[in-house]
Amino acid sequence: MVADKEFYYFTYHGKLSEADVEGCLARAEYMLHSLTLDRLQDETLAKCVRMAHCALADAQHAQDTAVLAGGKVTSESVGKWSRSIQQDDEQSGSFERRCLRIAAQYIPIRSGLLCRGVSGC
C-alpha cells in the first residue's frame, strides 16, 4: 500500500473512522495507480504520492457516503470541512476526473506521474 493508516492519521491528519480507513485507502491506491499509469517507483516523490493517496481515500469515502445517501459529492474542502452533495445525475465531471484534480494538488506536474500522453503534459 502506498500510504498506511498510521501515515493517514499522523502525517496527513485524516479523519476517517478506523472502520473505513483501510478499505478507502485500498480503493484509493488502485485509483492512484490508474491515474499515474503505474509509475509510482520514484522514491523522491514518495511523500507527495502518499499525501495524494490519503486525499483520494477521503474522496473515495465521500463518494461511498454520497452513493449510499442517494446523491453524489460535487465538492469538498478540508480546512473548516464542507461537502456538497448533488441529488441528480447531472454531476459535472466523473469521479476519476475529480480524483485527478485531487492528486494534482499533491503530485507535482513536472514529475510526469499524472501525464497520460495528451497535449499539455
PDB file of N, CA and C in Angstrom:
ATOM      1  N   MET A   1       0.847  -1.175   0.000  1.00  0.00           N
ATOM      2  CA  MET A   1       0.000   0.000   0.000  1.00  0.00           C
ATOM      3  C   MET A   1       0.896   1.244   0.000  1.00  0.00           C
ATOM      4  N   VAL A   2       0.520   2.257  -0.712  1.00  0.00           N
ATOM      5  CA  VAL A   2       1.305   3.477  -0.834  1.00  0.00           C
ATOM      6  C   VAL A   2       1.371   4.203   0.511  1.00  0.00           C
ATOM      7  N   ALA A   3       0.238   4.458   1.140  1.00  0.00           N
ATOM      8  CA  ALA A   3       0.187   5.083   2.465  1.00  0.00           C
ATOM      9  C   ALA A   3      -0.563   4.142   3.396  1.00  0.00           C
ATOM     10  N   ASP A   4      -0.027   3.960   4.592  1.00  0.00           N
ATOM     11  CA  ASP A   4      -0.725   3.114   5.557  1.00  0.00           C
ATOM     12  C   ASP A   4      -1.577   3.988   6.479  1.00  0.00           C
ATOM     13  N   LYS A   5      -2.338   3.351   7.354  1.00  0.00           N
ATOM     14  CA  LYS A   5      -3.252   4.138   8.183  1.00  0.00           C
ATOM     15  C   LYS A   5      -2.507   5.025   9.182  1.00  0.00           C
ATOM     16  N   GLU A   6      -1.299   4.631   9.612  1.00  0.00           N
ATOM     17  CA  GLU A   6      -0.529   5.492  10.508  1.00  0.00           C
ATOM     18  C   GLU A   6      -0.156   6.797   9.797  1.00  0.00           C
ATOM     19  N   PHE A   7       0.288   6.677   8.532  1.00  0.00           N
ATOM     20  CA  PHE A   7       0.592   7.875   7.745  1.00  0.00           C
ATOM     21  C   PHE A   7      -0.671   8.710   7.575  1.00  0.00           C
ATOM     22  N   TYR A   8      -1.795   8.036   7.284  1.00  0.00           N
ATOM     23  CA  TYR A   8      -3.066   8.732   7.079  1.00  0.00           C
ATOM     24  C   TYR A   8      -3.440   9.571   8.310  1.00  0.00           C
ATOM     25  N   TYR A   9      -3.343   8.983   9.486  1.00  0.00           N
ATOM     26  CA  TYR A   9      -3.762   9.686  10.700  1.00  0.00           C
ATOM     27  C   TYR A   9      -2.729  10.693  11.215  1.00  0.00           C
ATOM     28  N   PHE A  10      -1.438  10.340  11.209  1.00  0.00           N
ATOM     29  CA  PHE A  10      -0.451  11.163  11.898  1.00  0.00           C
ATOM     30  C   PHE A  10       0.313  12.136  11.010  1.00  0.00           C
ATOM     31  N   THR A  11       0.390  11.905   9.710  1.00  0.00           N
ATOM     32  CA  THR A  11       1.059  12.843   8.813  1.00  0.00           C
ATOM     33  C   THR A  11       0.035  13.648   8.020  1.00  0.00           C
ATOM     34  N   TYR A  12      -0.922  12.959   7.411  1.00  0.00           N
ATOM     35  CA  TYR A  12      -1.968  13.613   6.630  1.00  0.00           C
ATOM     36  C   TYR A  12      -3.042  14.216   7.543  1.00  0.00           C
ATOM     37  N   HIS A  13      -3.181  13.692   8.750  1.00  0.00           N
ATOM     38  CA  HIS A  13      -4.181  14.112   9.738  1.00  0.00           C
ATOM     39  C   HIS A  13      -5.598  13.885   9.239  1.00  0.00           C
ATOM     40  N   GLY A  14      -5.819  12.699   8.648  1.00  0.00           N
ATOM     41  CA  GLY A  14      -7.125  12.331   8.133  1.00  0.00           C
ATOM     42  C   GLY A  14      -8.132  12.070   9.237  1.00  0.00           C
ATOM     43  N   LYS A  15      -9.396  12.107   8.883  1.00  0.00           N
ATOM     44  CA  LYS A  15     -10.474  11.995   9.861  1.00  0.00           C
ATOM     45  C   LYS A  15     -11.380  10.780   9.659  1.00  0.00           C
ATOM     46  N   LEU A  16     -11.062   9.891   8.722  1.00  0.00           N
ATOM     47  CA  LEU A  16     -11.906   8.714   8.516  1.00  0.00           C
ATOM     48  C   LEU A  16     -11.888   7.834   9.755  1.00  0.00           C
ATOM     49  N   SER A  17     -12.969   7.102   9.965  1.00  0.00           N
ATOM     50  CA  SER A  17     -13.039   6.188  11.109  1.00  0.00           C
ATOM     51  C   SER A  17     -12.128   4.992  10.884  1.00  0.00           C
ATOM     52  N   GLU A  18     -11.763   4.325  11.962  1.00  0.00           N
ATOM     53  CA  GLU A  18     -10.952   3.104  11.883  1.00  0.00           C
ATOM     54  C   GLU A  18     -11.617   2.071  10.986  1.00  0.00           C
ATOM     55  N   ALA A  19     -12.946   2.012  11.037  1.00  0.00           N
ATOM     56  CA  ALA A  19     -13.670   1.025  10.243  1.00  0.00           C
ATOM     57  C   ALA A  19     -13.595   1.307   8.748  1.00  0.00           C
ATOM     58  N   ASP A  20     -13.451   2.572   8.359  1.00  0.00           N
ATOM     59  CA  ASP A  20     -13.473   2.955   6.943  1.00  0.00           C
ATOM     60  C   ASP A  20     -12.098   3.132   6.319  1.00  0.00           C
ATOM     61  N   VAL A  21     -11.089   3.438   7.113  1.00  0.00           N
ATOM     62  CA  VAL A  21      -9.824   3.900   6.558  1.00  0.00           C
ATOM     63  C   VAL A  21      -9.117   2.862   5.685  1.00  0.00           C
ATOM     64  N   GLU A  22      -9.022   1.630   6.101  1.00  0.00           N
ATOM     65  CA  GLU A  22      -8.268   0.643   5.317  1.00  0.00           C
ATOM     66  C   GLU A  22      -8.922   0.357   3.974  1.00  0.00           C
ATOM     67  N   GLY A  23     -10.236   0.218   3.953  1.00  0.00           N
ATOM     68  CA  GLY A  23     -10.935  -0.027   2.690  1.00  0.00           C
ATOM     69  C   GLY A  23     -10.814   1.142   1.731  1.00  0.00           C
ATOM     70  N   CYS A  24     -10.961   2.355   2.256  1.00  0.00           N
ATOM     71  CA  CYS A  24     -10.848   3.541   1.403  1.00  0.00           C
ATOM     72  C   CYS A  24      -9.425   3.722   0.900  1.00  0.00           C
ATOM     73  N   LEU A  25      -8.426   3.463   1.757  1.00  0.00           N
ATOM     74  CA  LEU A  25      -7.036   3.552   1.301  1.00  0.00           C
ATOM     75  C   LEU A  25      -6.747   2.518   0.215  1.00  0.00           C
ATOM     76  N   ALA A  26      -7.279   1.314   0.380  1.00  0.00           N
ATOM     77  CA  ALA A  26      -7.045   0.268  -0.627  1.00  0.00           C
ATOM     78  C   ALA A  26      -7.639   0.662  -1.972  1.00  0.00           C
ATOM     79  N   ARG A  27      -8.888   1.143  -1.990  1.00  0.00           N
ATOM     80  CA  ARG A  27      -9.520   1.544  -3.255  1.00  0.00           C
ATOM     81  C   ARG A  27      -8.842   2.775  -3.848  1.00  0.00           C
ATOM     82  N   ALA A  28      -8.413   3.693  -2.976  1.00  0.00           N
ATOM     83  CA  ALA A  28      -7.720   4.895  -3.451  1.00  0.00           C
ATOM     84  C   ALA A  28      -6.376   4.537  -4.083  1.00  0.00           C
ATOM     85  N   GLU A  29      -5.721   3.502  -3.576  1.00  0.00           N
ATOM     86  CA  GLU A  29      -4.450   3.082  -4.163  1.00  0.00           C
ATOM     87  C   GLU A  29      -4.641   2.611  -5.600  1.00  0.00           C
ATOM     88  N   TYR A  30      -5.706   1.864  -5.855  1.00  0.00           N
ATOM     89  CA  TYR A  30      -5.987   1.433  -7.227  1.00  0.00           C
ATOM     90  C   TYR A  30      -6.233   2.637  -8.131  1.00  0.00           C
ATOM     91  N   MET A  31      -6.963   3.630  -7.619  1.00  0.00           N
ATOM     92  CA  MET A  31      -7.217   4.839  -8.402  1.00  0.00           C
ATOM     93  C   MET A  31      -5.909   5.567  -8.678  1.00  0.00           C
ATOM     94  N   LEU A  32      -5.036   5.641  -7.681  1.00  0.00           N
ATOM     95  CA  LEU A  32      -3.755   6.324  -7.848  1.00  0.00           C
ATOM     96  C   LEU A  32      -2.880   5.613  -8.872  1.00  0.00           C
ATOM     97  N   HIS A  33      -2.850   4.289  -8.841  1.00  0.00           N
ATOM     98  CA  HIS A  33      -2.089   3.544  -9.846  1.00  0.00           C
ATOM     99  C   HIS A  33      -2.668   3.785 -11.243  1.00  0.00           C
ATOM    100  N   SER A  34      -3.975   3.857 -11.339  1.00  0.00           N
ATOM    101  CA  SER A  34      -4.619   4.126 -12.625  1.00  0.00           C
ATOM    102  C   SER A  34      -4.274   5.525 -13.131  1.00  0.00           C
ATOM    103  N   LEU A  35      -4.368   6.515 -12.251  1.00  0.00           N
ATOM    104  CA  LEU A  35      -4.107   7.899 -12.649  1.00  0.00           C
ATOM    105  C   LEU A  35      -2.659   8.125 -13.058  1.00  0.00           C
ATOM    106  N   THR A  36      -1.732   7.390 -12.453  1.00  0.00           N
ATOM    107  CA  THR A  36      -0.306   7.576 -12.747  1.00  0.00           C
ATOM    108  C   THR A  36       0.236   6.540 -13.724  1.00  0.00           C
ATOM    109  N   LEU A  37      -0.630   5.721 -14.270  1.00  0.00           N
ATOM    110  CA  LEU A  37      -0.242   4.672 -15.203  1.00  0.00           C
ATOM    111  C   LEU A  37       0.865   3.789 -14.619  1.00  0.00           C
ATOM    112  N   ASP A  38       0.733   3.464 -13.334  1.00  0.00           N
ATOM    113  CA  ASP A  38       1.671   2.595 -12.600  1.00  0.00           C
ATOM    114  C   ASP A  38       3.109   3.104 -12.588  1.00  0.00           C
ATOM    115  N   ARG A  39       3.308   4.414 -12.485  1.00  0.00           N
ATOM    116  CA  ARG A  39       4.660   4.985 -12.447  1.00  0.00           C
ATOM    117  C   ARG A  39       4.997   5.516 -11.048  1.00  0.00           C
ATOM    118  N   LEU A  40       4.774   4.724 -10.019  1.00  0.00           N
ATOM    119  CA  LEU A  40       4.978   5.186  -8.648  1.00  0.00           C
ATOM    120  C   LEU A  40       6.282   4.712  -8.027  1.00  0.00           C
ATOM    121  N   GLN A  41       7.289   4.397  -8.806  1.00  0.00           N
ATOM    122  CA  GLN A  41       8.521   3.854  -8.259  1.00  0.00           C
ATOM    123  C   GLN A  41       9.501   4.915  -7.762  1.00  0.00           C
ATOM    124  N   ASP A  42       9.385   6.157  -8.147  1.00  0.00           N
ATOM    125  CA  ASP A  42      10.338   7.206  -7.786  1.00  0.00           C
ATOM    126  C   ASP A  42      10.186   7.585  -6.314  1.00  0.00           C
ATOM    127  N   GLU A  43      11.181   7.243  -5.502  1.00  0.00           N
ATOM    128  CA  GLU A  43      11.111   7.490  -4.063  1.00  0.00           C
ATOM    129  C   GLU A  43      11.196   8.973  -3.696  1.00  0.00           C
ATOM    130  N   THR A  44      11.721   9.814  -4.585  1.00  0.00           N
ATOM    131  CA  THR A  44      11.811  11.234  -4.258  1.00  0.00           C
ATOM    132  C   THR A  44      10.434  11.869  -4.153  1.00  0.00           C
ATOM    133  N   LEU A  45       9.452  11.262  -4.767  1.00  0.00           N
ATOM    134  CA  LEU A  45       8.089  11.781  -4.706  1.00  0.00           C
ATOM    135  C   LEU A  45       7.221  11.014  -3.710  1.00  0.00           C
ATOM    136  N   ALA A  46       7.842  10.184  -2.890  1.00  0.00           N
ATOM    137  CA  ALA A  46       7.089   9.278  -2.021  1.00  0.00           C
ATOM    138  C   ALA A  46       6.088   9.997  -1.122  1.00  0.00           C
ATOM    139  N   LYS A  47       6.492  11.080  -0.469  1.00  0.00           N
ATOM    140  CA  LYS A  47       5.569  11.762   0.434  1.00  0.00           C
ATOM    141  C   LYS A  47       4.429  12.426  -0.335  1.00  0.00           C
ATOM    142  N   CYS A  48       4.742  13.019  -1.491  1.00  0.00           N
ATOM    143  CA  CYS A  48       3.687  13.632  -2.312  1.00  0.00           C
ATOM    144  C   CYS A  48       2.658  12.587  -2.712  1.00  0.00           C
ATOM    145  N   VAL A  49       3.146  11.435  -3.119  1.00  0.00           N
ATOM    146  CA  VAL A  49       2.253  10.362  -3.547  1.00  0.00           C
ATOM    147  C   VAL A  49       1.433   9.852  -2.370  1.00  0.00           C
ATOM    148  N   ARG A  50       2.057   9.710  -1.180  1.00  0.00           N
ATOM    149  CA  ARG A  50       1.303   9.252  -0.009  1.00  0.00           C
ATOM    150  C   ARG A  50       0.235  10.265   0.387  1.00  0.00           C
ATOM    151  N   MET A  51       0.533  11.556   0.301  1.00  0.00           N
ATOM    152  CA  MET A  51      -0.462  12.586   0.607  1.00  0.00           C
ATOM    153  C   MET A  51      -1.632  12.512  -0.384  1.00  0.00           C
ATOM    154  N   ALA A  52      -1.307  12.346  -1.661  1.00  0.00           N
ATOM    155  CA  ALA A  52      -2.362  12.203  -2.668  1.00  0.00           C
ATOM    156  C   ALA A  52      -3.197  10.960  -2.388  1.00  0.00           C
ATOM    157  N   HIS A  53      -2.537   9.883  -1.978  1.00  0.00           N
ATOM    158  CA  HIS A  53      -3.228   8.638  -1.655  1.00  0.00           C
ATOM    159  C   HIS A  53      -4.242   8.864  -0.541  1.00  0.00           C
ATOM    160  N   CYS A  54      -3.856   9.571   0.500  1.00  0.00           N
ATOM    161  CA  CYS A  54      -4.764   9.850   1.612  1.00  0.00           C
ATOM    162  C   CYS A  54      -5.928  10.741   1.176  1.00  0.00           C
ATOM    163  N   ALA A  55      -5.638  11.752   0.375  1.00  0.00           N
ATOM    164  CA  ALA A  55      -6.705  12.629  -0.115  1.00  0.00           C
ATOM    165  C   ALA A  55      -7.683  11.852  -0.986  1.00  0.00           C
ATOM    166  N   LEU A  56      -7.178  10.922  -1.781  1.00  0.00           N
ATOM    167  CA  LEU A  56      -8.052  10.092  -2.605  1.00  0.00           C
ATOM    168  C   LEU A  56      -8.878   9.140  -1.750  1.00  0.00           C
ATOM    169  N   ALA A  57      -8.315   8.669  -0.636  1.00  0.00           N
ATOM    170  CA  ALA A  57      -9.087   7.830   0.284  1.00  0.00           C
ATOM    171  C   ALA A  57     -10.253   8.620   0.860  1.00  0.00           C
ATOM    172  N   ASP A  58     -10.013   9.885   1.211  1.00  0.00           N
ATOM    173  CA  ASP A  58     -11.108  10.739   1.692  1.00  0.00           C
ATOM    174  C   ASP A  58     -12.166  10.930   0.611  1.00  0.00           C
ATOM    175  N   ALA A  59     -11.726  11.136  -0.627  1.00  0.00           N
ATOM    176  CA  ALA A  59     -12.666  11.300  -1.739  1.00  0.00           C
ATOM    177  C   ALA A  59     -13.461  10.020  -1.972  1.00  0.00           C
ATOM    178  N   GLN A  60     -12.790   8.874  -1.852  1.00  0.00           N
ATOM    179  CA  GLN A  60     -13.470   7.593  -2.019  1.00  0.00           C
ATOM    180  C   GLN A  60     -14.545   7.424  -0.945  1.00  0.00           C
ATOM    181  N   HIS A  61     -14.214   7.768   0.288  1.00  0.00           N
ATOM    182  CA  HIS A  61     -15.192   7.665   1.376  1.00  0.00           C
ATOM    183  C   HIS A  61     -16.374   8.604   1.140  1.00  0.00           C
ATOM    184  N   ALA A  62     -16.082   9.825   0.704  1.00  0.00           N
ATOM    185  CA  ALA A  62     -17.148  10.782   0.419  1.00  0.00           C
ATOM    186  C   ALA A  62     -18.049  10.273  -0.705  1.00  0.00           C
ATOM    187  N   GLN A  63     -17.444   9.671  -1.723  1.00  0.00           N
ATOM    188  CA  GLN A  63     -18.216   9.110  -2.836  1.00  0.00           C
ATOM    189  C   GLN A  63     -19.094   7.963  -2.339  1.00  0.00           C
ATOM    190  N   ASP A  64     -18.512   7.077  -1.520  1.00  0.00           N
ATOM    191  CA  ASP A  64     -19.279   5.959  -0.963  1.00  0.00           C
ATOM    192  C   ASP A  64     -20.457   6.465  -0.134  1.00  0.00           C
ATOM    193  N   THR A  65     -20.198   7.462   0.713  1.00  0.00           N
ATOM    194  CA  THR A  65     -21.236   8.024   1.573  1.00  0.00           C
ATOM    195  C   THR A  65     -22.344   8.660   0.749  1.00  0.00           C
ATOM    196  N   ALA A  66     -21.953   9.392  -0.283  1.00  0.00           N
ATOM    197  CA  ALA A  66     -22.943  10.057  -1.134  1.00  0.00           C
ATOM    198  C   ALA A  66     -23.797   9.051  -1.889  1.00  0.00           C
ATOM    199  N   VAL A  67     -23.168   8.006  -2.388  1.00  0.00           N
ATOM    200  CA  VAL A  67     -23.917   6.983  -3.123  1.00  0.00           C
ATOM    201  C   VAL A  67     -24.918   6.309  -2.193  1.00  0.00           C
ATOM    202  N   LEU A  68     -24.491   5.998  -0.977  1.00  0.00           N
ATOM    203  CA  LEU A  68     -25.399   5.386  -0.005  1.00  0.00           C
ATOM    204  C   LEU A  68     -26.544   6.321   0.364  1.00  0.00           C
ATOM    205  N   ALA A  69     -26.274   7.636   0.358  1.00  0.00           N
ATOM    206  CA  ALA A  69     -27.300   8.618   0.683  1.00  0.00           C
ATOM    207  C   ALA A  69     -28.167   8.963  -0.519  1.00  0.00           C
ATOM    208  N   GLY A  70     -27.858   8.408  -1.682  1.00  0.00           N
ATOM    209  CA  GLY A  70     -28.653   8.667  -2.868  1.00  0.00           C
ATOM    210  C   GLY A  70     -28.213   9.874  -3.663  1.00  0.00           C
ATOM    211  N   GLY A  71     -27.084  10.470  -3.350  1.00  0.00           N
ATOM    212  CA  GLY A  71     -26.585  11.636  -4.081  1.00  0.00           C
ATOM    213  C   GLY A  71     -25.138  11.457  -4.445  1.00  0.00           C
ATOM    214  N   LYS A  72     -24.568  12.451  -5.097  1.00  0.00           N
ATOM    215  CA  LYS A  72     -23.171  12.424  -5.498  1.00  0.00           C
ATOM    216  C   LYS A  72     -22.471  13.642  -4.924  1.00  0.00           C
ATOM    217  N   VAL A  73     -21.261  13.444  -4.442  1.00  0.00           N
ATOM    218  CA  VAL A  73     -20.480  14.554  -3.913  1.00  0.00           C
ATOM    219  C   VAL A  73     -20.038  15.419  -5.089  1.00  0.00           C
ATOM    220  N   THR A  74     -20.339  16.713  -5.012  1.00  0.00           N
ATOM    221  CA  THR A  74     -19.949  17.620  -6.091  1.00  0.00           C
ATOM    222  C   THR A  74     -18.779  18.510  -5.709  1.00  0.00           C
ATOM    223  N   SER A  75     -18.555  18.725  -4.418  1.00  0.00           N
ATOM    224  CA  SER A  75     -17.390  19.493  -3.988  1.00  0.00           C
ATOM    225  C   SER A  75     -17.092  19.166  -2.539  1.00  0.00           C
ATOM    226  N   GLU A  76     -15.819  19.383  -2.169  1.00  0.00           N
ATOM    227  CA  GLU A  76     -15.378  19.137  -0.805  1.00  0.00           C
ATOM    228  C   GLU A  76     -14.303  20.142  -0.445  1.00  0.00           C
ATOM    229  N   SER A  77     -14.040  20.287   0.832  1.00  0.00           N
ATOM    230  CA  SER A  77     -12.941  21.095   1.337  1.00  0.00           C
ATOM    231  C   SER A  77     -12.336  20.357   2.504  1.00  0.00           C
ATOM    232  N   VAL A  78     -11.137  20.735   2.885  1.00  0.00           N
ATOM    233  CA  VAL A  78     -10.516  20.104   4.044  1.00  0.00           C
ATOM    234  C   VAL A  78     -10.507  21.077   5.218  1.00  0.00           C
ATOM    235  N   GLY A  79      -9.949  22.276   5.045  1.00  0.00           N
ATOM    236  CA  GLY A  79      -9.959  23.273   6.111  1.00  0.00           C
ATOM    237  C   GLY A  79     -11.382  23.732   6.382  1.00  0.00           C
ATOM    238  N   LYS A  80     -11.812  23.703   7.643  1.00  0.00           N
ATOM    239  CA  LYS A  80     -13.202  24.027   8.009  1.00  0.00           C
ATOM    240  C   LYS A  80     -14.158  23.174   7.188  1.00  0.00           C
ATOM    241  N   TRP A  81     -13.975  21.880   7.265  1.00  0.00           N
ATOM    242  CA  TRP A  81     -14.643  20.837   6.477  1.00  0.00           C
ATOM    243  C   TRP A  81     -15.991  21.250   5.903  1.00  0.00           C
ATOM    244  N   SER A  82     -16.209  20.997   4.632  1.00  0.00           N
ATOM    245  CA  SER A  82     -17.511  21.193   3.994  1.00  0.00           C
ATOM    246  C   SER A  82     -17.672  20.171   2.887  1.00  0.00           C
ATOM    247  N   ARG A  83     -18.892  19.912   2.498  1.00  0.00           N
ATOM    248  CA  ARG A  83     -19.169  18.960   1.423  1.00  0.00           C
ATOM    249  C   ARG A  83     -20.496  19.352   0.769  1.00  0.00           C
ATOM    250  N   SER A  84     -20.561  19.257  -0.536  1.00  0.00           N
ATOM    251  CA  SER A  84     -21.801  19.494  -1.277  1.00  0.00           C
ATOM    252  C   SER A  84     -22.200  18.202  -1.971  1.00  0.00           C
ATOM    253  N   ILE A  85     -23.465  17.846  -1.860  1.00  0.00           N
ATOM    254  CA  ILE A  85     -23.969  16.629  -2.494  1.00  0.00           C
ATOM    255  C   ILE A  85     -25.075  17.009  -3.463  1.00  0.00           C
ATOM    256  N   GLN A  86     -24.958  16.520  -4.690  1.00  0.00           N
ATOM    257  CA  GLN A  86     -25.951  16.759  -5.721  1.00  0.00           C
ATOM    258  C   GLN A  86     -26.834  15.528  -5.819  1.00  0.00           C
ATOM    259  N   GLN A  87     -28.114  15.713  -5.829  1.00  0.00           N
ATOM    260  CA  GLN A  87     -29.038  14.591  -5.806  1.00  0.00           C
ATOM    261  C   GLN A  87     -29.366  14.018  -7.183  1.00  0.00           C
ATOM    262  N   ASP A  88     -29.157  14.774  -8.243  1.00  0.00           N
ATOM    263  CA  ASP A  88     -29.494  14.248  -9.565  1.00  0.00           C
ATOM    264  C   ASP A  88     -28.266  13.681 -10.262  1.00  0.00           C
ATOM    265  N   ASP A  89     -28.441  13.191 -11.490  1.00  0.00           N
ATOM    266  CA  ASP A  89     -27.366  12.542 -12.223  1.00  0.00           C
ATOM    267  C   ASP A  89     -26.517  13.490 -13.062  1.00  0.00           C
ATOM    268  N   GLU A  90     -26.755  14.769 -13.002  1.00  0.00           N
ATOM    269  CA  GLU A  90     -26.027  15.700 -13.848  1.00  0.00           C
ATOM    270  C   GLU A  90     -24.823  16.280 -13.126  1.00  0.00           C
ATOM    271  N   GLN A  91     -23.980  15.418 -12.621  1.00  0.00           N
ATOM    272  CA  GLN A  91     -22.761  15.847 -11.939  1.00  0.00           C
ATOM    273  C   GLN A  91     -21.743  16.287 -12.983  1.00  0.00           C
ATOM    274  N   SER A  92     -21.125  17.425 -12.736  1.00  0.00           N
ATOM    275  CA  SER A  92     -20.108  17.894 -13.682  1.00  0.00           C
ATOM    276  C   SER A  92     -18.801  17.166 -13.420  1.00  0.00           C
ATOM    277  N   GLY A  93     -18.353  16.403 -14.387  1.00  0.00           N
ATOM    278  CA  GLY A  93     -17.110  15.657 -14.258  1.00  0.00           C
ATOM    279  C   GLY A  93     -17.311  14.309 -13.600  1.00  0.00           C
ATOM    280  N   SER A  94     -16.533  13.339 -14.020  1.00  0.00           N
ATOM    281  CA  SER A  94     -16.632  11.995 -13.462  1.00  0.00           C
ATOM    282  C   SER A  94     -15.829  11.907 -12.168  1.00  0.00           C
ATOM    283  N   PHE A  95     -16.021  10.836 -11.444  1.00  0.00           N
ATOM    284  CA  PHE A  95     -15.272  10.609 -10.214  1.00  0.00           C
ATOM    285  C   PHE A  95     -13.773  10.537 -10.511  1.00  0.00           C
ATOM    286  N   GLU A  96     -13.401   9.905 -11.609  1.00  0.00           N
ATOM    287  CA  GLU A  96     -11.982   9.812 -11.962  1.00  0.00           C
ATOM    288  C   GLU A  96     -11.394  11.197 -12.233  1.00  0.00           C
ATOM    289  N   ARG A  97     -12.144  12.059 -12.886  1.00  0.00           N
ATOM    290  CA  ARG A  97     -11.657  13.423 -13.138  1.00  0.00           C
ATOM    291  C   ARG A  97     -11.449  14.173 -11.823  1.00  0.00           C
ATOM    292  N   ARG A  98     -12.392  14.009 -10.904  1.00  0.00           N
ATOM    293  CA  ARG A  98     -12.254  14.633  -9.598  1.00  0.00           C
ATOM    294  C   ARG A  98     -11.021  14.109  -8.876  1.00  0.00           C
ATOM    295  N   CYS A  99     -10.795  12.808  -8.971  1.00  0.00           N
ATOM    296  CA  CYS A  99      -9.614  12.201  -8.349  1.00  0.00           C
ATOM    297  C   CYS A  99      -8.335  12.736  -8.971  1.00  0.00           C
ATOM    298  N   LEU A 100      -8.333  12.946 -10.265  1.00  0.00           N
ATOM    299  CA  LEU A 100      -7.163  13.504 -10.938  1.00  0.00           C
ATOM    300  C   LEU A 100      -6.870  14.912 -10.426  1.00  0.00           C
ATOM    301  N   ARG A 101      -7.913  15.718 -10.238  1.00  0.00           N
ATOM    302  CA  ARG A 101      -7.717  17.066  -9.697  1.00  0.00           C
ATOM    303  C   ARG A 101      -7.176  17.003  -8.267  1.00  0.00           C
ATOM    304  N   ILE A 102      -7.668  16.055  -7.477  1.00  0.00           N
ATOM    305  CA  ILE A 102      -7.191  15.895  -6.103  1.00  0.00           C
ATOM    306  C   ILE A 102      -5.725  15.491  -6.099  1.00  0.00           C
ATOM    307  N   ALA A 103      -5.372  14.492  -6.899  1.00  0.00           N
ATOM    308  CA  ALA A 103      -3.981  14.023  -6.958  1.00  0.00           C
ATOM    309  C   ALA A 103      -3.054  15.136  -7.418  1.00  0.00           C
ATOM    310  N   ALA A 104      -3.513  15.957  -8.343  1.00  0.00           N
ATOM    311  CA  ALA A 104      -2.687  17.044  -8.876  1.00  0.00           C
ATOM    312  C   ALA A 104      -2.381  18.108  -7.825  1.00  0.00           C
ATOM    313  N   GLN A 105      -3.153  18.153  -6.749  1.00  0.00           N
ATOM    314  CA  GLN A 105      -2.864  19.093  -5.668  1.00  0.00           C
ATOM    315  C   GLN A 105      -1.600  18.689  -4.908  1.00  0.00           C
ATOM    316  N   TYR A 106      -1.233  17.427  -4.952  1.00  0.00           N
ATOM    317  CA  TYR A 106      -0.098  16.924  -4.184  1.00  0.00           C
ATOM    318  C   TYR A 106       1.084  16.490  -5.051  1.00  0.00           C
ATOM    319  N   ILE A 107       0.816  15.952  -6.225  1.00  0.00           N
ATOM    320  CA  ILE A 107       1.875  15.415  -7.089  1.00  0.00           C
ATOM    321  C   ILE A 107       2.284  16.487  -8.089  1.00  0.00           C
ATOM    322  N   PRO A 108       3.550  16.912  -8.060  1.00  0.00           N
ATOM    323  CA  PRO A 108       3.994  17.984  -8.963  1.00  0.00           C
ATOM    324  C   PRO A 108       3.808  17.612 -10.439  1.00  0.00           C
ATOM    325  N   ILE A 109       3.355  18.562 -11.220  1.00  0.00           N
ATOM    326  CA  ILE A 109       3.152  18.357 -12.652  1.00  0.00           C
ATOM    327  C   ILE A 109       4.458  17.924 -13.311  1.00  0.00           C
ATOM    328  N   ARG A 110       5.574  18.552 -12.922  1.00  0.00           N
ATOM    329  CA  ARG A 110       6.869  18.249 -13.536  1.00  0.00           C
ATOM    330  C   ARG A 110       7.314  16.811 -13.312  1.00  0.00           C
ATOM    331  N   SER A 111       6.690  16.099 -12.362  1.00  0.00           N
ATOM    332  CA  SER A 111       7.080  14.713 -12.113  1.00  0.00           C
ATOM    333  C   SER A 111       6.688  13.801 -13.274  1.00  0.00           C
ATOM    334  N   GLY A 112       5.677  14.182 -14.032  1.00  0.00           N
ATOM    335  CA  GLY A 112       5.198  13.363 -15.131  1.00  0.00           C
ATOM    336  C   GLY A 112       4.310  12.196 -14.706  1.00  0.00           C
ATOM    337  N   LEU A 113       4.104  12.028 -13.399  1.00  0.00           N
ATOM    338  CA  LEU A 113       3.304  10.895 -12.919  1.00  0.00           C
ATOM    339  C   LEU A 113       1.853  10.957 -13.378  1.00  0.00           C
ATOM    340  N   LEU A 114       1.321  12.165 -13.547  1.00  0.00           N
ATOM    341  CA  LEU A 114      -0.077  12.291 -13.934  1.00  0.00           C
ATOM    342  C   LEU A 114      -0.258  12.501 -15.430  1.00  0.00           C
ATOM    343  N   CYS A 115       0.830  12.527 -16.186  1.00  0.00           N
ATOM    344  CA  CYS A 115       0.758  12.717 -17.630  1.00  0.00           C
ATOM    345  C   CYS A 115       0.218  11.443 -18.271  1.00  0.00           C
ATOM    346  N   ARG A 116      -0.792  11.598 -19.116  1.00  0.00           N
ATOM    347  CA  ARG A 116      -1.417  10.448 -19.743  1.00  0.00           C
ATOM    348  C   ARG A 116      -1.204  10.444 -21.246  1.00  0.00           C
ATOM    349  N   GLY A 117      -0.213  11.202 -21.711  1.00  0.00           N
ATOM    350  CA  GLY A 117       0.109  11.193 -23.131  1.00  0.00           C
ATOM    351  C   GLY A 117      -0.725  12.111 -23.988  1.00  0.00           C
ATOM    352  N   VAL A 118      -1.397  13.070 -23.375  1.00  0.00           N
ATOM    353  CA  VAL A 118      -2.181  14.041 -24.133  1.00  0.00           C
ATOM    354  C   VAL A 118      -1.439  15.366 -24.143  1.00  0.00           C
ATOM    355  N   SER A 119      -1.844  16.257 -25.012  1.00  0.00           N
ATOM    356  CA  SER A 119      -1.154  17.547 -25.105  1.00  0.00           C
ATOM    357  C   SER A 119      -1.238  18.286 -23.774  1.00  0.00           C
ATOM    358  N   GLY A 120      -0.207  19.011 -23.470  1.00  0.00           N
ATOM    359  CA  GLY A 120      -0.162  19.765 -22.220  1.00  0.00           C
ATOM    360  C   GLY A 120       0.650  19.066 -21.143  1.00  0.00           C
ATOM    361  N   CYS A 121       1.062  17.829 -21.370  1.00  0.00           N
ATOM    362  CA  CYS A 121       1.878  17.106 -20.378  1.00  0.00           C
ATOM    363  C   CYS A 121       3.313  17.064 -20.839  1.00  0.00           C
TER     364      CYS A 121
END
